[in-house]
Structure formats: structure tokens, C-alpha cells
């Protein structure tokens, strides 16, 4: 053995380094996947417990607010046209317990849910840093899977022309790991409605675009060059149109665009996740209406 060590010292060093790297990698995988499972379990428990036990009561439409009247009329028309009005009435009457969510983290601004999918999470926003929740969990711990979050350039009440939500593309299909399935027609048709719950209302969105995209920010037009960096200059009234145009200009053969144009009167919800080096998967949905509790 001594002769072997003397004869092949470089090989021994190489084997030793390889063993150390392997052990470090295995330890990382154990810790990484263990943390992911722990955090996902916490989200699942939160999803079961952070909802009001009683459904919300119907509220009379404010006849002095044209916007509310318009939304309630749109909701009524939608319910009359859908094949399953009872399902949507139930979903629109439900509400998360935001007091419980805020006890856990006051940065919760909403709750995102796509029925019969893994996407069922609180939405967070840090006013201090745009990507704060990229690698920070809802309980404040650092690491993965992070949170579904909006950058602080967007309003926290989903009132912007285009609101972008980010989440990790987890290998186990949690967080935004299922967005890639929207490229499949069957999945897209079965999961085309997205609910966003807020403390005083719920909004229903319908998926209108599925597309790959580059790493460029979809709200790039809201930034101006400031030396060697970019400075946010404010959201624009036509951001929803600009977002759709950017996706069309990307010109992917894999993209799906629903019929009909997006106008400045529309509100767009964009779900964004990474899909590889310098690439993203985008699912964009148009708001159909908002219903106030």
C-alpha cells in the first residue's frame, strides 16, 4: 500500500478530493431536499388551516361605485355562461384568514390559487427589496423553496395594468413547478382559471398567454438607464399591452395566445418562473372580474 501511495500520489489526491466533493454534495442534497419538504409541508398545513371556516356572506353591490357595478355584472354574466356555476360560487365565497396569515408574516398581500393544481400559496411582497422572497421562506428562514412574491415595483393590491408574480420552478412540481405543464393543451384547458384572494375581495383571471421568454424583465419599459444600472421609473397604464407585445416579439413556436386582444382596459396577472439558464416560462391571465366580500 505504501508503494502504491508513493507511486501514484496524484491519483490518491484526486480520489481524496473526489470523495470529499461527493460527501459535500450528498450532505447538500440531504439538507436541501429536507428543507424543501419541511417548508412545503408547512405550506400545505397553512393551506388547510388559513381559511375561514364559514363562507363569506353576500354583500350588496355599491350602487355609487361604477367600477364595482361593472365587476358584479361581469361576474353575473360569467356565472350564467359557465357549465359549473356552483363550483365558482363556492370559490368566490371562500376567503383566506388574513389575520392568521399576517400573524405568520405581515408581508402577505394575497393568496394565489389554481384549483386542482399544486399552485396554492400566499403571495408576499417586501417593500425593502425587490427579490427579498426569492430565497426566503414565509417563516423568515432563508433557502428554498422561497415564496410566491411580487416585486416592490408593483402595487400590493394587484391594481396595476400588469402584476408579475415570481416563484421557483421546483423539480417536485411545487411552487411554480407546474407552469411548464401549461404548454400542454389538456392541462391548460383544465386549469385556465386563476383565483387571487385579497382581504376584502377575490378576483378571477383566465389564462390568455403561455410562452417561453428570455431573462429580460417583462416590465423593462418601466425602467430608465441610470449610468451603468437601471432605475425604476413607475408603472405604465399600458403595461399589459407592452407585456403581451414582448412575448409576441419573442416569437416562440411553443407559445400559446388566446383569441382576442389585450387592451389598456384589461388587468393582467403574470406568473413567471425560470426554465433554465437565462430563460423563463410565462403564464399570463386576464382579469375577468373582482368580487368584493
C-alpha atoms as a PDB file:
ATOM      1  CA  UNK A   1       0.000   0.000   0.000  1.00  0.00           C
ATOM      2  CA  UNK A   2       2.856   2.346   0.862  1.00  0.00           C
ATOM      3  CA  UNK A   3       4.401   1.585  -2.517  1.00  0.00           C
ATOM      4  CA  UNK A   4       1.084   2.427  -4.183  1.00  0.00           C
ATOM      5  CA  UNK A   5       0.896   5.790  -2.379  1.00  0.00           C
ATOM      6  CA  UNK A   6       4.453   6.585  -3.398  1.00  0.00           C
ATOM      7  CA  UNK A   7       3.892   5.512  -6.993  1.00  0.00           C
ATOM      8  CA  UNK A   8       0.536   7.314  -7.552  1.00  0.00           C
ATOM      9  CA  UNK A   9       0.400  10.346  -5.209  1.00  0.00           C
ATOM     10  CA  UNK A  10      -1.565  12.464  -7.695  1.00  0.00           C
ATOM     11  CA  UNK A  11      -4.179   9.716  -8.097  1.00  0.00           C
ATOM     12  CA  UNK A  12      -4.558   9.433  -4.331  1.00  0.00           C
ATOM     13  CA  UNK A  13      -5.085  13.193  -4.028  1.00  0.00           C
ATOM     14  CA  UNK A  14      -7.621  13.082  -6.874  1.00  0.00           C
ATOM     15  CA  UNK A  15      -9.569  10.232  -5.244  1.00  0.00           C
ATOM     16  CA  UNK A  16      -9.497  12.015  -1.885  1.00  0.00           C
ATOM     17  CA  UNK A  17     -10.805  15.258  -3.373  1.00  0.00           C
ATOM     18  CA  UNK A  18     -13.491  13.322  -5.265  1.00  0.00           C
ATOM     19  CA  UNK A  19     -14.645  11.630  -2.065  1.00  0.00           C
ATOM     20  CA  UNK A  20     -14.826  14.961  -0.217  1.00  0.00           C
ATOM     21  CA  UNK A  21     -16.790  16.584  -3.064  1.00  0.00           C
ATOM     22  CA  UNK A  22     -19.178  13.628  -3.153  1.00  0.00           C
ATOM     23  CA  UNK A  23     -19.763  13.795   0.596  1.00  0.00           C
ATOM     24  CA  UNK A  24     -20.366  17.546   0.453  1.00  0.00           C
ATOM     25  CA  UNK A  25     -22.798  17.090  -2.449  1.00  0.00           C
ATOM     26  CA  UNK A  26     -24.686  14.319  -0.650  1.00  0.00           C
ATOM     27  CA  UNK A  27     -24.884  16.432   2.510  1.00  0.00           C
ATOM     28  CA  UNK A  28     -26.142  19.403   0.483  1.00  0.00           C
ATOM     29  CA  UNK A  29     -28.796  17.271  -1.221  1.00  0.00           C
ATOM     30  CA  UNK A  30     -29.991  15.879   2.108  1.00  0.00           C
ATOM     31  CA  UNK A  31     -30.229  19.330   3.671  1.00  0.00           C
ATOM     32  CA  UNK A  32     -31.692  20.940   0.531  1.00  0.00           C
ATOM     33  CA  UNK A  33     -34.417  18.369  -0.047  1.00  0.00           C
ATOM     34  CA  UNK A  34     -35.108  18.098   3.670  1.00  0.00           C
ATOM     35  CA  UNK A  35     -35.669  21.844   3.904  1.00  0.00           C
ATOM     36  CA  UNK A  36     -37.846  21.800   0.793  1.00  0.00           C
ATOM     37  CA  UNK A  37     -40.030  19.017   2.185  1.00  0.00           C
ATOM     38  CA  UNK A  38     -40.304  20.774   5.532  1.00  0.00           C
ATOM     39  CA  UNK A  39     -41.291  24.118   4.014  1.00  0.00           C
ATOM     40  CA  UNK A  40     -43.713  22.552   1.530  1.00  0.00           C
ATOM     41  CA  UNK A  41     -45.383  20.641   4.360  1.00  0.00           C
ATOM     42  CA  UNK A  42     -45.742  23.931   6.233  1.00  0.00           C
ATOM     43  CA  UNK A  43     -47.395  25.479   3.160  1.00  0.00           C
ATOM     44  CA  UNK A  44     -49.753  22.517   2.861  1.00  0.00           C
ATOM     45  CA  UNK A  45     -50.750  22.781   6.515  1.00  0.00           C
ATOM     46  CA  UNK A  46     -51.208  26.506   6.084  1.00  0.00           C
ATOM     47  CA  UNK A  47     -53.409  25.882   3.050  1.00  0.00           C
ATOM     48  CA  UNK A  48     -55.650  23.668   5.166  1.00  0.00           C
ATOM     49  CA  UNK A  49     -55.871  25.914   8.201  1.00  0.00           C
ATOM     50  CA  UNK A  50     -55.608  29.504   6.954  1.00  0.00           C
ATOM     51  CA  UNK A  51     -59.118  29.703   5.541  1.00  0.00           C
ATOM     52  CA  UNK A  52     -62.240  30.993   7.180  1.00  0.00           C
ATOM     53  CA  UNK A  53     -64.372  28.136   8.467  1.00  0.00           C
ATOM     54  CA  UNK A  54     -67.509  29.958   7.349  1.00  0.00           C
ATOM     55  CA  UNK A  55     -68.062  31.124   3.804  1.00  0.00           C
ATOM     56  CA  UNK A  56     -68.269  34.833   3.204  1.00  0.00           C
ATOM     57  CA  UNK A  57     -71.713  36.371   3.183  1.00  0.00           C
ATOM     58  CA  UNK A  58     -73.043  38.072   0.067  1.00  0.00           C
ATOM     59  CA  UNK A  59     -72.609  41.824   0.040  1.00  0.00           C
ATOM     60  CA  UNK A  60     -74.898  44.234  -1.760  1.00  0.00           C
ATOM     61  CA  UNK A  61     -73.270  45.994  -4.679  1.00  0.00           C
ATOM     62  CA  UNK A  62     -72.315  49.610  -4.002  1.00  0.00           C
ATOM     63  CA  UNK A  63     -74.581  51.390  -6.479  1.00  0.00           C
ATOM     64  CA  UNK A  64     -72.465  54.546  -6.207  1.00  0.00           C
ATOM     65  CA  UNK A  65     -69.299  52.852  -7.494  1.00  0.00           C
ATOM     66  CA  UNK A  66     -69.338  52.280 -11.283  1.00  0.00           C
ATOM     67  CA  UNK A  67     -66.284  50.002 -11.079  1.00  0.00           C
ATOM     68  CA  UNK A  68     -67.961  47.661  -8.606  1.00  0.00           C
ATOM     69  CA  UNK A  69     -71.166  47.630 -10.630  1.00  0.00           C
ATOM     70  CA  UNK A  70     -69.187  46.741 -13.762  1.00  0.00           C
ATOM     71  CA  UNK A  71     -67.376  43.898 -11.969  1.00  0.00           C
ATOM     72  CA  UNK A  72     -70.531  42.467 -10.404  1.00  0.00           C
ATOM     73  CA  UNK A  73     -72.243  42.483 -13.793  1.00  0.00           C
ATOM     74  CA  UNK A  74     -69.243  40.710 -15.322  1.00  0.00           C
ATOM     75  CA  UNK A  75     -69.371  38.097 -12.534  1.00  0.00           C
ATOM     76  CA  UNK A  76     -73.093  37.531 -13.087  1.00  0.00           C
ATOM     77  CA  UNK A  77     -72.561  37.083 -16.830  1.00  0.00           C
ATOM     78  CA  UNK A  78     -69.705  34.654 -16.214  1.00  0.00           C
ATOM     79  CA  UNK A  79     -71.726  32.547 -13.774  1.00  0.00           C
ATOM     80  CA  UNK A  80     -74.594  32.385 -16.247  1.00  0.00           C
ATOM     81  CA  UNK A  81     -72.267  31.195 -19.009  1.00  0.00           C
ATOM     82  CA  UNK A  82     -70.216  28.588 -17.133  1.00  0.00           C
ATOM     83  CA  UNK A  83     -71.128  24.910 -17.002  1.00  0.00           C
ATOM     84  CA  UNK A  84     -70.403  24.720 -13.271  1.00  0.00           C
ATOM     85  CA  UNK A  85     -71.739  27.867 -11.567  1.00  0.00           C
ATOM     86  CA  UNK A  86     -71.963  26.184  -8.148  1.00  0.00           C
ATOM     87  CA  UNK A  87     -68.228  25.495  -8.137  1.00  0.00           C
ATOM     88  CA  UNK A  88     -67.384  29.118  -8.910  1.00  0.00           C
ATOM     89  CA  UNK A  89     -69.935  30.464  -6.444  1.00  0.00           C
ATOM     90  CA  UNK A  90     -68.288  28.371  -3.738  1.00  0.00           C
ATOM     91  CA  UNK A  91     -64.784  29.512  -4.682  1.00  0.00           C
ATOM     92  CA  UNK A  92     -65.858  33.154  -4.826  1.00  0.00           C
ATOM     93  CA  UNK A  93     -67.467  32.926  -1.401  1.00  0.00           C
ATOM     94  CA  UNK A  94     -64.422  31.385   0.279  1.00  0.00           C
ATOM     95  CA  UNK A  95     -61.795  33.565   1.846  1.00  0.00           C
ATOM     96  CA  UNK A  96     -58.390  33.074   3.490  1.00  0.00           C
ATOM     97  CA  UNK A  97     -57.981  34.104   7.102  1.00  0.00           C
ATOM     98  CA  UNK A  98     -55.622  37.001   6.524  1.00  0.00           C
ATOM     99  CA  UNK A  99     -55.295  37.696  10.252  1.00  0.00           C
ATOM    100  CA  UNK A 100     -53.717  34.267  10.629  1.00  0.00           C
ATOM    101  CA  UNK A 101     -51.530  34.794   7.577  1.00  0.00           C
ATOM    102  CA  UNK A 102     -50.371  38.187   8.862  1.00  0.00           C
ATOM    103  CA  UNK A 103     -49.548  36.684  12.252  1.00  0.00           C
ATOM    104  CA  UNK A 104     -47.153  34.415  10.382  1.00  0.00           C
ATOM    105  CA  UNK A 105     -45.810  37.141   8.101  1.00  0.00           C
ATOM    106  CA  UNK A 106     -47.158  40.704   7.708  1.00  0.00           C
ATOM    107  CA  UNK A 107     -45.785  40.846   4.144  1.00  0.00           C
ATOM    108  CA  UNK A 108     -48.632  38.662   2.837  1.00  0.00           C
ATOM    109  CA  UNK A 109     -50.578  40.683   0.247  1.00  0.00           C
ATOM    110  CA  UNK A 110     -52.822  37.995  -1.220  1.00  0.00           C
ATOM    111  CA  UNK A 111     -53.454  34.328  -1.808  1.00  0.00           C
ATOM    112  CA  UNK A 112     -52.967  32.653  -5.199  1.00  0.00           C
ATOM    113  CA  UNK A 113     -54.890  29.518  -6.058  1.00  0.00           C
ATOM    114  CA  UNK A 114     -55.324  27.457  -9.225  1.00  0.00           C
ATOM    115  CA  UNK A 115     -57.889  24.742  -8.461  1.00  0.00           C
ATOM    116  CA  UNK A 116     -56.747  21.113  -8.801  1.00  0.00           C
ATOM    117  CA  UNK A 117     -53.106  22.114  -9.084  1.00  0.00           C
ATOM    118  CA  UNK A 118     -50.104  22.480  -6.787  1.00  0.00           C
ATOM    119  CA  UNK A 119     -50.315  26.267  -7.032  1.00  0.00           C
ATOM    120  CA  UNK A 120     -51.997  27.162  -3.751  1.00  0.00           C
ATOM    121  CA  UNK A 121     -49.884  29.713  -1.883  1.00  0.00           C
ATOM    122  CA  UNK A 122     -49.862  33.048  -0.093  1.00  0.00           C
ATOM    123  CA  UNK A 123     -48.341  35.909  -2.095  1.00  0.00           C
ATOM    124  CA  UNK A 124     -45.748  38.076  -0.380  1.00  0.00           C
ATOM    125  CA  UNK A 125     -44.105  41.393  -1.099  1.00  0.00           C
ATOM    126  CA  UNK A 126     -41.193  43.127   0.597  1.00  0.00           C
ATOM    127  CA  UNK A 127     -41.199  46.897   0.320  1.00  0.00           C
ATOM    128  CA  UNK A 128     -37.493  46.989   1.136  1.00  0.00           C
ATOM    129  CA  UNK A 129     -36.031  44.721  -1.553  1.00  0.00           C
ATOM    130  CA  UNK A 130     -37.448  43.551  -4.858  1.00  0.00           C
ATOM    131  CA  UNK A 131     -36.274  39.924  -4.687  1.00  0.00           C
ATOM    132  CA  UNK A 132     -36.335  39.523  -0.909  1.00  0.00           C
ATOM    133  CA  UNK A 133     -38.536  36.410  -1.013  1.00  0.00           C
ATOM    134  CA  UNK A 134     -36.663  34.713  -3.834  1.00  0.00           C
ATOM    135  CA  UNK A 135     -34.670  32.715  -1.296  1.00  0.00           C
ATOM    136  CA  UNK A 136     -36.595  33.411   1.889  1.00  0.00           C
ATOM    137  CA  UNK A 137     -39.488  31.341   3.191  1.00  0.00           C
ATOM    138  CA  UNK A 138     -42.727  32.612   4.680  1.00  0.00           C
ATOM    139  CA  UNK A 139     -41.486  31.857   8.214  1.00  0.00           C
ATOM    140  CA  UNK A 140     -38.454  34.109   7.676  1.00  0.00           C
ATOM    141  CA  UNK A 141     -35.926  31.304   7.164  1.00  0.00           C
ATOM    142  CA  UNK A 142     -33.504  31.592   4.265  1.00  0.00           C
ATOM    143  CA  UNK A 143     -33.267  28.996   1.500  1.00  0.00           C
ATOM    144  CA  UNK A 144     -35.621  27.156  -0.787  1.00  0.00           C
ATOM    145  CA  UNK A 145     -38.384  26.875  -1.881  1.00  0.00           C
ATOM    146  CA  UNK A 146     -38.831  30.573  -1.092  1.00  0.00           C
ATOM    147  CA  UNK A 147     -42.211  32.226  -1.620  1.00  0.00           C
ATOM    148  CA  UNK A 148     -44.530  33.291  -4.378  1.00  0.00           C
ATOM    149  CA  UNK A 149     -43.876  37.020  -4.441  1.00  0.00           C
ATOM    150  CA  UNK A 150     -44.395  40.305  -6.239  1.00  0.00           C
ATOM    151  CA  UNK A 151     -41.571  42.785  -6.580  1.00  0.00           C
ATOM    152  CA  UNK A 152     -41.993  46.110  -4.822  1.00  0.00           C
ATOM    153  CA  UNK A 153     -42.278  47.903  -8.171  1.00  0.00           C
ATOM    154  CA  UNK A 154     -45.819  46.525  -8.361  1.00  0.00           C
ATOM    155  CA  UNK A 155     -48.665  47.785  -6.201  1.00  0.00           C
ATOM    156  CA  UNK A 156     -49.543  45.448  -3.368  1.00  0.00           C
ATOM    157  CA  UNK A 157     -53.242  45.492  -4.244  1.00  0.00           C
ATOM    158  CA  UNK A 158     -52.998  43.962  -7.765  1.00  0.00           C
ATOM    159  CA  UNK A 159     -54.327  47.183  -9.284  1.00  0.00           C
ATOM    160  CA  UNK A 160     -51.518  47.697 -11.810  1.00  0.00           C
ATOM    161  CA  UNK A 161     -52.067  47.108 -15.511  1.00  0.00           C
ATOM    162  CA  UNK A 162     -49.710  44.130 -15.201  1.00  0.00           C
ATOM    163  CA  UNK A 163     -48.780  42.434 -11.933  1.00  0.00           C
ATOM    164  CA  UNK A 164     -45.955  39.892 -12.100  1.00  0.00           C
ATOM    165  CA  UNK A 165     -45.648  37.082  -9.554  1.00  0.00           C
ATOM    166  CA  UNK A 166     -42.472  35.042  -9.251  1.00  0.00           C
ATOM    167  CA  UNK A 167     -41.860  31.557  -7.896  1.00  0.00           C
ATOM    168  CA  UNK A 168     -39.234  28.845  -8.193  1.00  0.00           C
ATOM    169  CA  UNK A 169     -39.532  26.077 -10.773  1.00  0.00           C
ATOM    170  CA  UNK A 170     -39.210  23.281  -8.228  1.00  0.00           C
ATOM    171  CA  UNK A 171     -38.332  19.831  -9.588  1.00  0.00           C
ATOM    172  CA  UNK A 172     -41.048  18.179  -7.483  1.00  0.00           C
ATOM    173  CA  UNK A 173     -43.729  20.329  -9.123  1.00  0.00           C
ATOM    174  CA  UNK A 174     -44.373  22.603  -6.133  1.00  0.00           C
ATOM    175  CA  UNK A 175     -44.296  26.418  -6.156  1.00  0.00           C
ATOM    176  CA  UNK A 176     -44.308  27.310  -9.901  1.00  0.00           C
ATOM    177  CA  UNK A 177     -43.007  23.903 -10.974  1.00  0.00           C
ATOM    178  CA  UNK A 178     -46.254  23.181 -12.815  1.00  0.00           C
ATOM    179  CA  UNK A 179     -46.183  26.259 -15.063  1.00  0.00           C
ATOM    180  CA  UNK A 180     -44.384  24.253 -17.759  1.00  0.00           C
ATOM    181  CA  UNK A 181     -47.418  21.977 -17.967  1.00  0.00           C
ATOM    182  CA  UNK A 182     -49.399  24.911 -19.385  1.00  0.00           C
ATOM    183  CA  UNK A 183     -47.688  24.216 -22.701  1.00  0.00           C
ATOM    184  CA  UNK A 184     -49.883  21.076 -22.826  1.00  0.00           C
ATOM    185  CA  UNK A 185     -53.321  21.891 -24.214  1.00  0.00           C
ATOM    186  CA  UNK A 186     -55.214  19.495 -21.922  1.00  0.00           C
ATOM    187  CA  UNK A 187     -53.618  20.892 -18.777  1.00  0.00           C
ATOM    188  CA  UNK A 188     -54.149  24.457 -19.957  1.00  0.00           C
ATOM    189  CA  UNK A 189     -57.844  23.884 -20.609  1.00  0.00           C
ATOM    190  CA  UNK A 190     -58.369  22.153 -17.271  1.00  0.00           C
ATOM    191  CA  UNK A 191     -56.544  24.879 -15.305  1.00  0.00           C
ATOM    192  CA  UNK A 192     -57.337  28.066 -17.170  1.00  0.00           C
ATOM    193  CA  UNK A 193     -58.877  29.920 -14.217  1.00  0.00           C
ATOM    194  CA  UNK A 194     -56.791  31.555 -11.509  1.00  0.00           C
ATOM    195  CA  UNK A 195     -58.124  32.961  -8.232  1.00  0.00           C
ATOM    196  CA  UNK A 196     -56.411  35.770  -6.353  1.00  0.00           C
ATOM    197  CA  UNK A 197     -57.805  36.410  -2.884  1.00  0.00           C
ATOM    198  CA  UNK A 198     -57.274  39.680  -1.035  1.00  0.00           C
ATOM    199  CA  UNK A 199     -58.511  40.761   2.397  1.00  0.00           C
ATOM    200  CA  UNK A 200     -61.688  42.367   1.037  1.00  0.00           C
ATOM    201  CA  UNK A 201     -62.189  40.737  -2.361  1.00  0.00           C
ATOM    202  CA  UNK A 202     -61.421  37.902  -4.767  1.00  0.00           C
ATOM    203  CA  UNK A 203     -60.532  38.237  -8.452  1.00  0.00           C
ATOM    204  CA  UNK A 204     -60.911  35.650 -11.191  1.00  0.00           C
ATOM    205  CA  UNK A 205     -58.427  35.533 -14.066  1.00  0.00           C
ATOM    206  CA  UNK A 206     -58.394  33.492 -17.268  1.00  0.00           C
ATOM    207  CA  UNK A 207     -55.151  32.295 -18.880  1.00  0.00           C
ATOM    208  CA  UNK A 208     -54.585  34.010 -22.232  1.00  0.00           C
ATOM    209  CA  UNK A 209     -50.859  33.503 -22.886  1.00  0.00           C
ATOM    210  CA  UNK A 210     -48.319  30.750 -22.270  1.00  0.00           C
ATOM    211  CA  UNK A 211     -44.843  31.396 -23.602  1.00  0.00           C
ATOM    212  CA  UNK A 212     -41.152  30.890 -23.036  1.00  0.00           C
ATOM    213  CA  UNK A 213     -39.219  34.107 -22.569  1.00  0.00           C
ATOM    214  CA  UNK A 214     -35.749  35.470 -22.026  1.00  0.00           C
ATOM    215  CA  UNK A 215     -34.278  36.711 -18.757  1.00  0.00           C
ATOM    216  CA  UNK A 216     -35.231  40.299 -19.675  1.00  0.00           C
ATOM    217  CA  UNK A 217     -37.691  41.893 -17.289  1.00  0.00           C
ATOM    218  CA  UNK A 218     -41.209  41.917 -18.744  1.00  0.00           C
ATOM    219  CA  UNK A 219     -41.682  45.450 -17.388  1.00  0.00           C
ATOM    220  CA  UNK A 220     -38.443  46.627 -18.976  1.00  0.00           C
ATOM    221  CA  UNK A 221     -40.239  49.689 -20.350  1.00  0.00           C
ATOM    222  CA  UNK A 222     -40.814  50.868 -16.771  1.00  0.00           C
ATOM    223  CA  UNK A 223     -37.068  51.344 -16.223  1.00  0.00           C
ATOM    224  CA  UNK A 224     -34.681  54.047 -17.437  1.00  0.00           C
ATOM    225  CA  UNK A 225     -30.905  53.832 -17.836  1.00  0.00           C
ATOM    226  CA  UNK A 226     -29.078  55.442 -14.930  1.00  0.00           C
ATOM    227  CA  UNK A 227     -25.341  55.242 -15.566  1.00  0.00           C
ATOM    228  CA  UNK A 228     -24.450  51.550 -15.655  1.00  0.00           C
ATOM    229  CA  UNK A 229     -27.682  50.466 -13.994  1.00  0.00           C
ATOM    230  CA  UNK A 230     -31.420  50.822 -14.479  1.00  0.00           C
ATOM    231  CA  UNK A 231     -33.786  52.812 -12.286  1.00  0.00           C
ATOM    232  CA  UNK A 232     -37.497  52.094 -11.937  1.00  0.00           C
ATOM    233  CA  UNK A 233     -39.486  54.980 -13.402  1.00  0.00           C
ATOM    234  CA  UNK A 234     -43.018  53.853 -12.483  1.00  0.00           C
ATOM    235  CA  UNK A 235     -45.679  51.518 -13.826  1.00  0.00           C
ATOM    236  CA  UNK A 236     -47.465  52.489 -17.022  1.00  0.00           C
ATOM    237  CA  UNK A 237     -51.140  52.359 -17.894  1.00  0.00           C
ATOM    238  CA  UNK A 238     -50.398  50.203 -20.945  1.00  0.00           C
ATOM    239  CA  UNK A 239     -48.022  47.745 -19.271  1.00  0.00           C
ATOM    240  CA  UNK A 240     -50.434  44.883 -20.015  1.00  0.00           C
ATOM    241  CA  UNK A 241     -50.217  45.624 -23.753  1.00  0.00           C
ATOM    242  CA  UNK A 242     -46.439  46.001 -23.585  1.00  0.00           C
ATOM    243  CA  UNK A 243     -46.063  42.636 -21.803  1.00  0.00           C
ATOM    244  CA  UNK A 244     -48.097  40.829 -24.462  1.00  0.00           C
ATOM    245  CA  UNK A 245     -46.104  42.551 -27.212  1.00  0.00           C
ATOM    246  CA  UNK A 246     -42.804  41.496 -25.642  1.00  0.00           C
ATOM    247  CA  UNK A 247     -43.994  37.892 -25.540  1.00  0.00           C
ATOM    248  CA  UNK A 248     -45.172  38.038 -29.151  1.00  0.00           C
ATOM    249  CA  UNK A 249     -41.864  39.575 -30.242  1.00  0.00           C
ATOM    250  CA  UNK A 250     -40.045  36.696 -28.554  1.00  0.00           C
ATOM    251  CA  UNK A 251     -41.734  34.671 -31.309  1.00  0.00           C
ATOM    252  CA  UNK A 252     -41.607  31.210 -29.779  1.00  0.00           C
ATOM    253  CA  UNK A 253     -43.161  28.342 -31.722  1.00  0.00           C
ATOM    254  CA  UNK A 254     -44.176  26.858 -28.366  1.00  0.00           C
ATOM    255  CA  UNK A 255     -46.211  29.896 -27.343  1.00  0.00           C
ATOM    256  CA  UNK A 256     -49.983  29.921 -26.925  1.00  0.00           C
ATOM    257  CA  UNK A 257     -52.032  33.087 -27.392  1.00  0.00           C
ATOM    258  CA  UNK A 258     -55.789  33.041 -26.831  1.00  0.00           C
ATOM    259  CA  UNK A 259     -58.040  34.763 -29.336  1.00  0.00           C
ATOM    260  CA  UNK A 260     -58.789  38.410 -28.738  1.00  0.00           C
ATOM    261  CA  UNK A 261     -56.623  41.409 -27.987  1.00  0.00           C
ATOM    262  CA  UNK A 262     -55.435  42.707 -24.629  1.00  0.00           C
ATOM    263  CA  UNK A 263     -56.245  46.407 -24.284  1.00  0.00           C
ATOM    264  CA  UNK A 264     -55.434  49.167 -21.813  1.00  0.00           C
ATOM    265  CA  UNK A 265     -58.754  48.446 -20.110  1.00  0.00           C
ATOM    266  CA  UNK A 266     -57.562  44.976 -19.078  1.00  0.00           C
ATOM    267  CA  UNK A 267     -55.655  43.885 -15.985  1.00  0.00           C
ATOM    268  CA  UNK A 268     -53.013  41.228 -16.456  1.00  0.00           C
ATOM    269  CA  UNK A 269     -51.662  38.740 -13.920  1.00  0.00           C
ATOM    270  CA  UNK A 270     -48.328  37.225 -14.962  1.00  0.00           C
ATOM    271  CA  UNK A 271     -46.801  34.112 -13.379  1.00  0.00           C
ATOM    272  CA  UNK A 272     -43.079  33.828 -14.070  1.00  0.00           C
ATOM    273  CA  UNK A 273     -40.511  31.140 -13.275  1.00  0.00           C
ATOM    274  CA  UNK A 274     -37.066  30.170 -14.524  1.00  0.00           C
ATOM    275  CA  UNK A 275     -36.799  27.373 -17.077  1.00  0.00           C
ATOM    276  CA  UNK A 276     -33.045  27.101 -17.453  1.00  0.00           C
ATOM    277  CA  UNK A 277     -30.091  29.405 -17.879  1.00  0.00           C
ATOM    278  CA  UNK A 278     -31.341  32.861 -18.870  1.00  0.00           C
ATOM    279  CA  UNK A 279     -34.805  31.575 -19.782  1.00  0.00           C
ATOM    280  CA  UNK A 280     -38.252  31.736 -18.216  1.00  0.00           C
ATOM    281  CA  UNK A 281     -41.700  30.225 -18.537  1.00  0.00           C
ATOM    282  CA  UNK A 282     -44.544  32.752 -18.540  1.00  0.00           C
ATOM    283  CA  UNK A 283     -48.253  32.235 -17.911  1.00  0.00           C
ATOM    284  CA  UNK A 284     -50.333  35.403 -18.295  1.00  0.00           C
ATOM    285  CA  UNK A 285     -54.007  35.685 -17.349  1.00  0.00           C
ATOM    286  CA  UNK A 286     -56.573  38.430 -17.944  1.00  0.00           C
ATOM    287  CA  UNK A 287     -58.811  39.534 -15.091  1.00  0.00           C
ATOM    288  CA  UNK A 288     -62.444  38.709 -15.721  1.00  0.00           C
ATOM    289  CA  UNK A 289     -63.867  40.423 -12.639  1.00  0.00           C
ATOM    290  CA  UNK A 290     -63.391  41.223  -8.968  1.00  0.00           C
ATOM    291  CA  UNK A 291     -65.981  40.310  -6.339  1.00  0.00           C
ATOM    292  CA  UNK A 292     -65.983  42.173  -3.023  1.00  0.00           C
ATOM    293  CA  UNK A 293     -66.947  40.387   0.162  1.00  0.00           C
END
